[in-house]
């Protein structure tokens, strides 16, 4: 069972980028693919970092905000999205943070 082997190996979990769809599936505890089944099987004490990246309006949607709050309550560290030019062609919040920012957040997370 690949997802169990991957989950047992995990010393930290980083989901980057995290789309609105993936955020919702994780928040609801869905396990319908390798990513989500692996995340469900990771031990509760393993540090978790989620990096949302999506269109500005999607990020501001109350359902997405609710799912992010749920994940934070479940122990996920949520890294704020940055502002800038998005893949959809608009300017605004929702951009994936730069790699250096993600690496710093991971370092902080695993040093706790």
Protein backbone atom coordinates (compact mmCIF):
# COMPACT_ATOMS: atom_id res chain seq x y z
CA UNK A 1 0.00 0.00 0.00
CA UNK A 2 1.93 2.98 -1.34
CA UNK A 3 0.05 5.64 0.61
CA UNK A 4 0.76 3.94 3.95
CA UNK A 5 4.45 3.51 3.14
CA UNK A 6 4.72 7.17 2.07
CA UNK A 7 2.85 8.36 5.16
CA UNK A 8 5.04 6.31 7.51
CA UNK A 9 8.14 7.82 5.89
CA UNK A 10 6.98 11.44 6.31
CA UNK A 11 8.85 13.60 8.80
CA UNK A 12 6.96 16.69 7.60
CA UNK A 13 4.23 17.35 5.06
CA UNK A 14 4.30 20.29 2.65
CA UNK A 15 1.44 20.85 0.21
CA UNK A 16 2.54 23.47 -2.30
CA UNK A 17 0.68 24.63 -4.23
CA UNK A 18 -2.65 23.86 -2.61
CA UNK A 19 -5.55 24.53 -4.96
CA UNK A 20 -9.06 25.33 -3.70
CA UNK A 21 -10.10 21.80 -4.67
CA UNK A 22 -7.26 20.15 -2.77
CA UNK A 23 -7.81 22.38 0.28
CA UNK A 24 -11.48 21.32 0.34
CA UNK A 25 -10.70 17.62 -0.04
CA UNK A 26 -8.13 17.71 2.76
CA UNK A 27 -10.45 19.70 5.05
CA UNK A 28 -13.27 17.19 4.46
CA UNK A 29 -11.02 14.19 5.08
CA UNK A 30 -11.49 12.81 1.59
CA UNK A 31 -9.12 10.12 0.43
CA UNK A 32 -9.77 9.64 -3.27
CA UNK A 33 -6.24 9.73 -4.73
CA UNK A 34 -2.64 9.08 -3.71
CA UNK A 35 -2.13 12.59 -2.30
CA UNK A 36 -5.21 12.66 -0.09
CA UNK A 37 -4.97 9.05 1.08
CA UNK A 38 -1.32 9.65 2.03
CA UNK A 39 -2.25 12.82 3.93
CA UNK A 40 -4.95 10.95 5.83
CA UNK A 41 -2.45 8.24 6.82
CA UNK A 42 0.27 10.60 8.13
CA UNK A 43 0.70 10.37 11.90
CA UNK A 44 -0.97 13.22 13.84
CA UNK A 45 2.33 14.45 15.32
CA UNK A 46 3.95 15.07 11.91
CA UNK A 47 4.25 18.82 11.14
CA UNK A 48 2.12 20.00 8.20
CA UNK A 49 2.42 23.08 5.99
CA UNK A 50 -0.17 24.16 3.45
CA UNK A 51 0.58 26.80 0.80
CA UNK A 52 -2.68 27.95 -0.84
CA UNK A 53 -2.33 29.25 -4.39
CA UNK A 54 -5.36 30.21 -6.46
CA UNK A 55 -7.28 33.06 -8.04
CA UNK A 56 -7.91 36.05 -5.76
CA UNK A 57 -11.69 35.59 -5.79
CA UNK A 58 -11.37 31.89 -5.04
CA UNK A 59 -9.09 32.62 -2.10
CA UNK A 60 -11.60 35.18 -0.78
CA UNK A 61 -14.55 32.79 -1.13
CA UNK A 62 -16.15 32.03 2.26
CA UNK A 63 -16.04 28.27 1.58
CA UNK A 64 -12.28 28.36 0.95
CA UNK A 65 -11.75 30.54 4.03
CA UNK A 66 -13.80 28.07 6.08
CA UNK A 67 -11.76 25.12 4.78
CA UNK A 68 -8.49 26.90 5.61
CA UNK A 69 -9.76 27.63 9.14
CA UNK A 70 -10.72 23.97 9.54
CA UNK A 71 -7.25 22.87 8.50
CA UNK A 72 -5.63 25.36 10.88
CA UNK A 73 -7.81 24.00 13.69
CA UNK A 74 -6.69 20.50 12.69
CA UNK A 75 -3.07 21.50 13.21
CA UNK A 76 -1.98 22.58 9.74
CA UNK A 77 0.30 25.61 9.47
CA UNK A 78 -1.13 27.80 6.69
CA UNK A 79 1.35 29.96 4.80
CA UNK A 80 -0.28 33.15 3.55
CA UNK A 81 -0.51 33.55 -0.19
CA UNK A 82 1.41 36.44 -1.71
CA UNK A 83 0.14 39.22 -3.96
CA UNK A 84 1.29 39.65 -7.51
CA UNK A 85 0.68 38.42 -11.03
CA UNK A 86 -1.39 35.21 -10.94
CA UNK A 87 -1.43 32.38 -13.47
CA UNK A 88 -4.96 33.40 -14.52
CA UNK A 89 -3.61 36.75 -15.70
CA UNK A 90 -4.87 39.04 -12.93
CA UNK A 91 -2.99 40.89 -10.22
CA UNK A 92 -3.88 40.16 -6.63
CA UNK A 93 -3.54 37.92 -3.62
CA UNK A 94 -3.35 34.18 -4.21
CA UNK A 95 0.16 33.73 -5.54
CA UNK A 96 2.33 30.88 -4.25
CA UNK A 97 5.07 32.29 -2.02
CA UNK A 98 8.62 32.17 -3.32
CA UNK A 99 10.57 28.97 -2.64
CA UNK A 100 12.78 30.73 -0.08
CA UNK A 101 9.70 31.74 1.93
CA UNK A 102 8.36 28.18 1.86
CA UNK A 103 11.73 26.74 2.89
CA UNK A 104 11.93 29.20 5.81
CA UNK A 105 8.42 28.21 6.90
CA UNK A 106 9.34 24.51 6.73
CA UNK A 107 12.52 25.14 8.75
CA UNK A 108 10.50 26.98 11.37
CA UNK A 109 7.88 24.24 11.43
CA UNK A 110 10.30 21.35 11.97
CA UNK A 111 12.41 23.20 14.53
CA UNK A 112 9.47 23.41 16.97
